[in-house]
Amino acid sequence: MKQFIKFCTTVTSLVVAVVMSCALSIQTSIPDNYIVTEGSTFSLNSKEYLSVHTERAFPTSTSGSSFNADIKFLGCIGVKTVNVKVAPKSSLLVCGTPFGIKMLTEGVIVTKISDIDSGKKVTSPAREAGLKEGDVILSINGTSDLDNNTVSDIISSCGGNELDLTVSRDGETLNLKVTPLKTRSGDYLIGAWVRDSCAGIGTLTFYDPESSTFGGLGHPVCDVDTGEIMPLDSGEIVNVKIIGVVKGTVGTPGELMGAFIPGGKLGTLKTNSEQGVFGEMSAPENFECMQAASRQEIKTGCAQILTTVDGVTPQYFDIVIEKVNMSDKNLTKNMTIKITDPELLKITGGIVPGMSGSPIIQNGKLVGAVTHVFVNDPTRGYAIFIENMLQSAQSISQ
């Protein structure tokens, strides 16, 4: 009898330990804050083993209010108390159309540091001054309206005198001093290559009729050499026509090839953020209006993307949402998706550059947008929650 009691106690202890371990693991994966639209019920659709307990009456009604909710594992084990904010319903026009991006940077980006041969020594004044690739030069000797030509003119006409640089690096402002070196040919250089603009194509995700704002890409426009986010000074989006497709294969990303349509300005860029590009534009025509889904509404399983692989007309293609990551730690890689539509696989091989921003629809709601492709498997990639994109878009209207 004693052995039986001992056995039962041991088994019970193990079960409790396993359950508590699961609860702790779940706790770390659950965000501290959620958003729910007015008139809807707060629940965790993607987590069947979790239940929501609150004294708040449902459905919610007051936009701008908030309340606490207790999340329980298996209906009885408390895991976490979260804050739920009630937001107004977001009715968005779902786009899926290609667009071109033309950007001028705030300052100039240092893309490369190189050595200068003066005939007497080979060195890099830029490197000696502490300048690094990815730095953004905001001003030189007090001149802040910089582009490639302005920078070149200031350096070439300095006569070898020391220059004062104001530089932005990782959110900090630095003051550096650099003395240009005279080359064999008589030119003054500092050994830094810079870039002041960029252009490319992507896919428009949504348009908000209430605020006249748009969102696209689902990830930032980054410098091709340094990988740093391009600091936006001014820019615009323009109409683009898809004229060809380079099919993606394992190890080699494909590409949507687009042609800018002359005179086809769509809108003005206001923000280049980690969650995408955002700005203002006139209302587009002939797009379907959908509610934006909160992240807790998204489930693994069947969904569709809306994207354009020929001309300017978007099409629906089937996908599967394989994984939903509720964590707040990553703002763009929130879902793992897989292209399953035979037609799209035949045309593109899966996800290719240019499709970033393609809207993802599930159960009649806009849930997110395509952001990245897995280079070793072009049929799969990452996607961002539409909730995260809207938070960046709201900063424009505010």
Protein backbone atom coordinates (compact mmCIF):
# COMPACT_ATOMS: atom_id res chain seq x y z
CA MET A 1 0.00 0.00 0.00
CA LYS A 2 2.84 2.34 0.89
CA GLN A 3 4.51 1.62 -2.43
CA PHE A 4 1.26 2.39 -4.26
CA ILE A 5 0.88 5.71 -2.41
CA LYS A 6 4.52 6.53 -3.14
CA PHE A 7 3.98 5.69 -6.81
CA CYS A 8 0.87 7.88 -7.02
CA THR A 9 2.68 10.74 -5.29
CA THR A 10 5.60 10.50 -7.70
CA VAL A 11 3.34 10.41 -10.75
CA THR A 12 1.31 13.35 -9.43
CA SER A 13 4.47 15.35 -8.81
CA LEU A 14 5.71 14.64 -12.31
CA VAL A 15 2.38 15.64 -13.86
CA VAL A 16 2.31 18.86 -11.85
CA ALA A 17 5.90 19.63 -12.84
CA VAL A 18 5.13 19.05 -16.51
CA VAL A 19 1.98 21.17 -16.39
CA MET A 20 3.74 24.01 -14.58
CA SER A 21 6.62 23.84 -17.05
CA CYS A 22 4.15 24.10 -19.93
CA ALA A 23 2.42 27.03 -18.23
CA LEU A 24 5.74 28.84 -17.78
CA SER A 25 6.68 28.27 -21.41
CA ILE A 26 3.30 29.55 -22.55
CA GLN A 27 3.64 32.60 -20.30
CA THR A 28 6.80 33.77 -22.06
CA SER A 29 5.16 33.41 -25.50
CA ILE A 30 2.08 35.49 -24.63
CA PRO A 31 2.30 39.27 -25.21
CA ASP A 32 1.57 41.66 -22.36
CA ASN A 33 -0.81 43.72 -24.49
CA TYR A 34 -3.56 42.97 -26.99
CA ILE A 35 -5.88 44.98 -29.20
CA VAL A 36 -9.53 44.09 -29.79
CA THR A 37 -11.95 45.99 -32.01
CA GLU A 38 -15.07 47.51 -30.53
CA GLY A 39 -18.10 45.25 -30.71
CA SER A 40 -16.06 42.04 -30.75
CA THR A 41 -15.12 39.40 -28.19
CA PHE A 42 -11.56 38.99 -26.96
CA SER A 43 -10.37 35.40 -27.35
CA LEU A 44 -7.24 33.51 -28.36
CA ASN A 45 -8.44 31.63 -31.43
CA SER A 46 -5.02 30.18 -32.23
CA LYS A 47 -4.55 28.69 -28.75
CA GLU A 48 -7.36 26.22 -28.03
CA TYR A 49 -5.80 25.13 -24.74
CA LEU A 50 -5.93 28.69 -23.37
CA SER A 51 -9.05 30.44 -22.12
CA VAL A 52 -9.80 34.08 -21.33
CA HIS A 53 -11.35 35.10 -18.02
CA THR A 54 -12.49 38.66 -17.35
CA GLU A 55 -15.22 40.59 -15.60
CA ARG A 56 -15.60 42.72 -18.71
CA ALA A 57 -18.93 42.32 -20.48
CA PHE A 58 -18.70 41.21 -24.11
CA PRO A 59 -18.94 42.27 -26.82
CA THR A 60 -16.74 45.31 -26.16
CA SER A 61 -18.19 48.66 -27.08
CA THR A 62 -16.12 51.67 -26.00
CA SER A 63 -13.23 52.54 -28.28
CA GLY A 64 -10.21 53.90 -26.41
CA SER A 65 -10.92 52.00 -23.21
CA SER A 66 -8.90 49.08 -21.86
CA PHE A 67 -9.28 46.21 -19.42
CA ASN A 68 -7.31 43.33 -17.93
CA ALA A 69 -7.89 39.69 -18.81
CA ASP A 70 -6.61 36.55 -17.09
CA ILE A 71 -5.25 33.86 -19.41
CA LYS A 72 -5.63 30.32 -18.04
CA PHE A 73 -4.11 27.03 -19.18
CA LEU A 74 -6.63 24.17 -19.45
CA GLY A 75 -9.23 26.46 -17.94
CA CYS A 76 -7.83 26.37 -14.42
CA ILE A 77 -4.12 27.23 -14.22
CA GLY A 78 -3.41 30.95 -14.26
CA VAL A 79 -0.73 31.82 -16.82
CA LYS A 80 -0.75 35.59 -17.22
CA THR A 81 -2.77 38.76 -16.82
CA VAL A 82 -2.75 40.86 -20.00
CA ASN A 83 -4.00 44.31 -20.89
CA VAL A 84 -6.55 44.57 -23.69
CA LYS A 85 -7.09 47.87 -25.49
CA VAL A 86 -10.34 48.47 -27.36
CA ALA A 87 -9.75 50.06 -30.77
CA PRO A 88 -12.23 51.29 -33.39
CA LYS A 89 -13.00 48.96 -36.28
CA SER A 90 -10.58 49.41 -39.16
CA SER A 91 -12.22 49.09 -42.57
CA LEU A 92 -9.44 49.03 -45.15
CA LEU A 93 -9.28 48.79 -48.92
CA VAL A 94 -7.20 45.69 -49.70
CA CYS A 95 -4.85 46.41 -52.62
CA GLY A 96 -2.29 43.83 -53.78
CA THR A 97 -1.15 46.09 -56.62
CA PRO A 98 2.47 46.80 -57.56
CA PHE A 99 3.93 50.23 -56.84
CA GLY A 100 7.24 51.97 -57.37
CA ILE A 101 9.22 53.68 -54.62
CA LYS A 102 11.37 56.77 -55.17
CA MET A 103 13.22 57.95 -52.07
CA LEU A 104 15.63 60.73 -51.16
CA THR A 105 17.43 60.14 -47.88
CA GLU A 106 17.81 62.48 -44.93
CA GLY A 107 21.53 63.18 -45.29
CA VAL A 108 23.70 60.68 -47.16
CA ILE A 109 24.46 57.07 -46.24
CA VAL A 110 28.05 55.89 -46.08
CA THR A 111 28.03 52.70 -48.17
CA LYS A 112 31.75 51.95 -48.32
CA ILE A 113 35.06 53.05 -46.73
CA SER A 114 38.10 52.91 -49.02
CA ASP A 115 41.78 53.88 -48.97
CA ILE A 116 43.23 56.92 -50.76
CA ASP A 117 46.68 56.93 -52.41
CA SER A 118 48.34 60.33 -52.02
CA GLY A 119 51.64 59.23 -53.45
CA LYS A 120 53.22 59.45 -50.02
CA LYS A 121 50.87 57.14 -48.10
CA VAL A 122 47.81 55.00 -48.57
CA THR A 123 45.13 55.53 -45.95
CA SER A 124 41.47 56.39 -45.40
CA PRO A 125 40.76 59.75 -43.73
CA ALA A 126 37.16 58.64 -43.22
CA ARG A 127 38.22 55.53 -41.32
CA GLU A 128 40.76 57.49 -39.26
CA ALA A 129 38.03 59.96 -38.32
CA GLY A 130 35.85 57.12 -37.01
CA LEU A 131 33.35 57.04 -39.86
CA LYS A 132 31.74 53.61 -40.48
CA GLU A 133 29.71 51.96 -43.20
CA GLY A 134 26.02 52.51 -42.48
CA ASP A 135 26.58 55.92 -40.88
CA VAL A 136 24.37 58.75 -42.08
CA ILE A 137 26.15 62.07 -42.63
CA LEU A 138 23.63 64.75 -41.65
CA SER A 139 25.78 67.83 -42.18
CA ILE A 140 29.28 68.96 -43.23
CA ASN A 141 30.59 72.26 -41.85
CA GLY A 142 27.01 73.21 -41.00
CA THR A 143 25.59 72.44 -44.46
CA SER A 144 22.69 70.04 -43.92
CA ASP A 145 21.00 69.96 -47.32
CA LEU A 146 23.23 67.16 -48.58
CA ASP A 147 23.19 64.96 -51.66
CA ASN A 148 25.94 63.13 -53.54
CA ASN A 149 26.95 66.19 -55.55
CA THR A 150 26.92 68.55 -52.56
CA VAL A 151 29.17 66.25 -50.54
CA SER A 152 31.60 65.93 -53.44
CA ASP A 153 31.71 69.72 -53.97
CA ILE A 154 32.34 70.49 -50.28
CA ILE A 155 35.20 67.98 -50.02
CA SER A 156 36.86 68.89 -53.33
CA SER A 157 36.84 72.62 -52.52
CA CYS A 158 38.06 72.37 -48.91
CA GLY A 159 41.75 72.87 -49.78
CA GLY A 160 42.74 70.11 -47.41
CA ASN A 161 41.25 71.84 -44.37
CA GLU A 162 39.56 69.84 -41.60
CA LEU A 163 35.82 69.26 -42.00
CA ASP A 164 33.24 68.96 -39.22
CA LEU A 165 30.77 66.10 -39.73
CA THR A 166 27.50 65.53 -37.92
CA VAL A 167 26.74 61.82 -38.15
CA SER A 168 23.82 59.61 -37.11
CA ARG A 169 24.67 56.07 -35.98
CA ASP A 170 22.26 53.62 -34.32
CA GLY A 171 20.03 56.46 -33.15
CA GLU A 172 22.90 58.53 -31.72
CA THR A 173 24.30 61.79 -33.09
CA LEU A 174 28.10 62.00 -33.34
CA ASN A 175 30.41 64.89 -34.16
CA LEU A 176 33.47 63.79 -36.14
CA LYS A 177 36.36 65.65 -37.73
CA VAL A 178 37.97 64.51 -40.98
CA THR A 179 40.86 65.95 -42.98
CA PRO A 180 40.61 65.17 -46.71
CA LEU A 181 43.69 63.77 -48.42
CA LYS A 182 45.07 65.09 -51.69
CA THR A 183 45.39 62.35 -54.30
CA ARG A 184 48.02 61.95 -57.03
CA SER A 185 45.66 63.67 -59.45
CA GLY A 186 45.23 66.68 -57.16
CA ASP A 187 41.70 65.89 -55.94
CA TYR A 188 40.73 65.98 -52.28
CA LEU A 189 38.96 62.86 -51.00
CA ILE A 190 38.07 61.32 -47.63
CA GLY A 191 37.69 57.70 -48.79
CA ALA A 192 33.94 57.34 -48.24
CA TRP A 193 31.32 56.33 -50.81
CA VAL A 194 27.85 57.77 -50.14
CA ARG A 195 24.29 57.33 -51.43
CA ASP A 196 21.44 59.85 -51.32
CA SER A 197 18.54 58.04 -53.01
CA CYS A 198 17.05 54.73 -54.03
CA ALA A 199 14.25 53.27 -56.15
CA GLY A 200 12.49 49.92 -56.32
CA ILE A 201 9.16 48.15 -56.49
CA GLY A 202 6.91 46.39 -54.00
CA THR A 203 3.26 45.62 -53.36
CA LEU A 204 0.69 47.97 -51.84
CA THR A 205 -1.04 46.34 -48.87
CA PHE A 206 -3.91 48.61 -47.86
CA TYR A 207 -5.51 52.02 -48.06
CA ASP A 208 -7.34 53.55 -45.08
CA PRO A 209 -10.25 55.69 -46.38
CA GLU A 210 -10.70 57.39 -43.01
CA SER A 211 -7.17 58.82 -42.81
CA SER A 212 -6.24 58.74 -46.54
CA THR A 213 -3.10 56.77 -45.64
CA PHE A 214 -1.56 53.74 -47.33
CA GLY A 215 0.80 50.99 -46.22
CA GLY A 216 3.03 48.67 -48.20
CA LEU A 217 6.02 46.29 -48.19
CA GLY A 218 5.67 45.16 -44.55
CA HIS A 219 9.39 45.75 -44.06
CA PRO A 220 11.67 48.79 -44.45
CA VAL A 221 13.50 49.98 -47.53
CA CYS A 222 17.14 49.26 -46.70
CA ASP A 223 20.40 50.29 -48.32
CA VAL A 224 21.52 47.55 -50.70
CA ASP A 225 25.14 47.71 -49.50
CA THR A 226 24.91 48.27 -45.75
CA GLY A 227 21.52 46.72 -44.98
CA GLU A 228 20.63 49.77 -42.85
CA ILE A 229 17.17 51.37 -43.00
CA MET A 230 17.20 54.28 -45.45
CA PRO A 231 16.46 57.51 -43.50
CA LEU A 232 13.61 59.11 -45.43
CA ASP A 233 13.78 62.81 -46.28
CA SER A 234 11.23 62.84 -49.07
CA GLY A 235 9.75 60.41 -51.53
CA GLU A 236 6.80 59.25 -53.54
CA ILE A 237 5.12 56.11 -54.78
CA VAL A 238 4.25 55.68 -58.44
CA ASN A 239 2.30 53.33 -60.68
CA VAL A 240 4.15 50.24 -61.88
CA LYS A 241 3.31 47.54 -64.41
CA ILE A 242 4.67 44.01 -63.93
CA ILE A 243 6.32 43.06 -67.22
CA GLY A 244 8.03 39.81 -66.30
CA VAL A 245 8.91 37.27 -63.61
CA VAL A 246 12.21 35.62 -62.74
CA LYS A 247 11.20 32.35 -61.08
CA GLY A 248 12.67 31.66 -57.65
CA THR A 249 14.66 28.48 -57.03
CA VAL A 250 16.39 26.98 -53.99
CA GLY A 251 19.28 29.28 -53.09
CA THR A 252 18.38 31.91 -55.69
CA PRO A 253 15.54 34.39 -55.07
CA GLY A 254 13.54 35.29 -58.16
CA GLU A 255 12.11 38.69 -58.96
CA LEU A 256 9.04 40.56 -60.17
CA MET A 257 10.22 42.85 -62.96
CA GLY A 258 8.30 46.10 -63.15
CA ALA A 259 8.29 49.19 -65.35
CA PHE A 260 7.54 52.62 -63.90
CA ILE A 261 4.56 54.23 -65.64
CA PRO A 262 5.41 57.84 -66.66
CA GLY A 263 3.39 60.45 -64.78
CA GLY A 264 1.89 57.80 -62.58
CA LYS A 265 2.39 59.33 -59.13
CA LEU A 266 0.16 57.63 -56.57
CA GLY A 267 1.07 59.31 -53.30
CA THR A 268 3.66 60.81 -50.97
CA LEU A 269 5.92 58.80 -48.69
CA LYS A 270 5.89 59.88 -45.05
CA THR A 271 7.55 57.02 -43.17
CA ASN A 272 10.09 54.28 -43.88
CA SER A 273 9.84 52.09 -40.80
CA GLU A 274 10.58 48.56 -39.70
CA GLN A 275 6.94 47.66 -40.41
CA GLY A 276 6.93 49.02 -43.97
CA VAL A 277 6.50 52.23 -45.93
CA PHE A 278 3.55 54.51 -45.25
CA GLY A 279 2.20 57.75 -46.62
CA GLU A 280 -0.76 59.64 -48.04
CA MET A 281 -2.59 59.18 -51.32
CA SER A 282 -5.94 59.71 -52.99
CA ALA A 283 -8.50 56.94 -52.68
CA PRO A 284 -7.87 54.13 -55.18
CA GLU A 285 -10.78 52.62 -57.07
CA ASN A 286 -12.21 49.11 -57.44
CA PHE A 287 -10.71 47.56 -54.30
CA GLU A 288 -12.58 45.38 -51.80
CA CYS A 289 -13.14 46.72 -48.30
CA MET A 290 -12.30 44.41 -45.38
CA GLN A 291 -11.99 44.51 -41.62
CA ALA A 292 -8.48 44.32 -40.18
CA ALA A 293 -7.97 41.28 -37.95
CA SER A 294 -6.30 41.41 -34.54
CA ARG A 295 -3.40 38.99 -34.18
CA GLN A 296 -5.30 36.75 -31.75
CA GLU A 297 -7.91 36.12 -34.47
CA ILE A 298 -5.38 34.56 -36.84
CA LYS A 299 -5.23 30.77 -37.03
CA THR A 300 -2.90 28.31 -38.64
CA GLY A 301 -4.46 26.84 -41.76
CA CYS A 302 -5.76 27.93 -45.14
CA ALA A 303 -5.61 31.55 -46.29
CA GLN A 304 -5.02 33.55 -49.49
CA ILE A 305 -2.67 36.25 -50.71
CA LEU A 306 -3.61 39.00 -53.14
CA THR A 307 -0.72 39.82 -55.46
CA THR A 308 0.06 40.91 -59.02
CA VAL A 309 2.30 38.79 -61.25
CA ASP A 310 1.31 40.29 -64.61
CA GLY A 311 0.26 43.81 -65.56
CA VAL A 312 -1.53 45.80 -62.85
CA THR A 313 -4.40 43.51 -61.82
CA PRO A 314 -4.03 41.53 -58.57
CA GLN A 315 -5.15 37.90 -58.21
CA TYR A 316 -5.98 35.66 -55.27
CA PHE A 317 -3.69 32.66 -54.65
CA ASP A 318 -3.95 29.94 -52.00
CA ILE A 319 -1.49 29.69 -49.11
CA VAL A 320 -1.25 28.00 -45.71
CA ILE A 321 -0.39 29.85 -42.52
CA GLU A 322 1.95 27.35 -40.88
CA LYS A 323 2.84 29.22 -37.70
CA VAL A 324 1.62 32.26 -35.77
CA ASN A 325 4.14 33.93 -33.45
CA MET A 326 2.33 36.06 -30.90
CA SER A 327 5.51 37.43 -29.30
CA ASP A 328 6.13 41.17 -29.20
CA LYS A 329 9.87 40.67 -29.77
CA ASN A 330 9.69 40.67 -33.57
CA LEU A 331 7.69 43.30 -35.41
CA THR A 332 7.79 41.82 -38.91
CA LYS A 333 8.29 38.03 -38.83
CA ASN A 334 4.97 37.25 -37.14
CA MET A 335 3.75 34.38 -39.32
CA THR A 336 5.30 31.60 -41.36
CA ILE A 337 3.43 30.98 -44.60
CA LYS A 338 3.66 28.48 -47.46
CA ILE A 339 2.50 29.01 -51.04
CA THR A 340 0.29 26.09 -52.11
CA ASP A 341 -1.42 27.49 -55.22
CA PRO A 342 -0.25 25.47 -58.27
CA GLU A 343 -0.65 28.43 -60.62
CA LEU A 344 1.48 30.79 -58.53
CA LEU A 345 4.12 28.10 -57.99
CA LYS A 346 4.28 27.59 -61.75
CA ILE A 347 4.72 31.31 -62.41
CA THR A 348 7.03 32.43 -59.58
CA GLY A 349 8.20 29.29 -57.78
CA GLY A 350 6.78 30.77 -54.58
CA ILE A 351 7.60 34.10 -52.93
CA VAL A 352 9.88 36.43 -54.90
CA PRO A 353 11.18 39.99 -54.31
CA GLY A 354 8.53 42.47 -55.38
CA MET A 355 5.76 40.49 -53.66
CA SER A 356 6.57 42.06 -50.28
CA GLY A 357 3.43 43.74 -49.00
CA SER A 358 1.01 41.34 -50.70
CA PRO A 359 -2.09 41.24 -48.46
CA ILE A 360 -3.00 38.02 -46.64
CA ILE A 361 -6.71 37.28 -46.20
CA GLN A 362 -8.24 34.72 -43.86
CA ASN A 363 -11.93 34.24 -43.03
CA GLY A 364 -12.86 37.42 -44.89
CA LYS A 365 -10.45 39.65 -42.95
CA LEU A 366 -7.11 41.26 -43.74
CA VAL A 367 -4.64 39.57 -41.38
CA GLY A 368 -1.22 40.64 -42.64
CA ALA A 369 1.23 40.93 -45.51
CA VAL A 370 4.06 38.93 -47.05
CA THR A 371 7.52 40.21 -46.01
CA HIS A 372 10.37 37.72 -46.60
CA VAL A 373 11.16 34.54 -48.54
CA PHE A 374 13.18 31.59 -47.26
CA VAL A 375 16.10 31.45 -49.67
CA ASN A 376 16.48 27.68 -49.17
CA ASP A 377 12.74 27.14 -49.81
CA PRO A 378 11.07 29.80 -52.01
CA THR A 379 7.62 28.29 -51.39
CA ARG A 380 7.80 29.49 -47.78
CA GLY A 381 8.44 32.78 -46.04
CA TYR A 382 7.51 35.25 -43.31
CA ALA A 383 4.58 37.63 -42.96
CA ILE A 384 3.71 40.57 -40.71
CA PHE A 385 0.50 41.13 -38.71
CA ILE A 386 -1.68 43.85 -40.21
CA GLU A 387 -2.05 45.05 -36.62
CA ASN A 388 1.64 45.97 -36.56
CA MET A 389 1.45 47.79 -39.89
CA LEU A 390 -1.54 49.83 -38.74
CA GLN A 391 0.30 51.02 -35.65
CA SER A 392 2.95 52.61 -37.90
CA ALA A 393 0.32 54.03 -40.24
CA GLN A 394 -1.48 55.68 -37.34
CA SER A 395 1.60 57.77 -36.55
CA ILE A 396 1.07 59.57 -39.87
CA SER A 397 -2.56 60.50 -39.24
CA GLN A 398 -1.70 61.61 -35.70
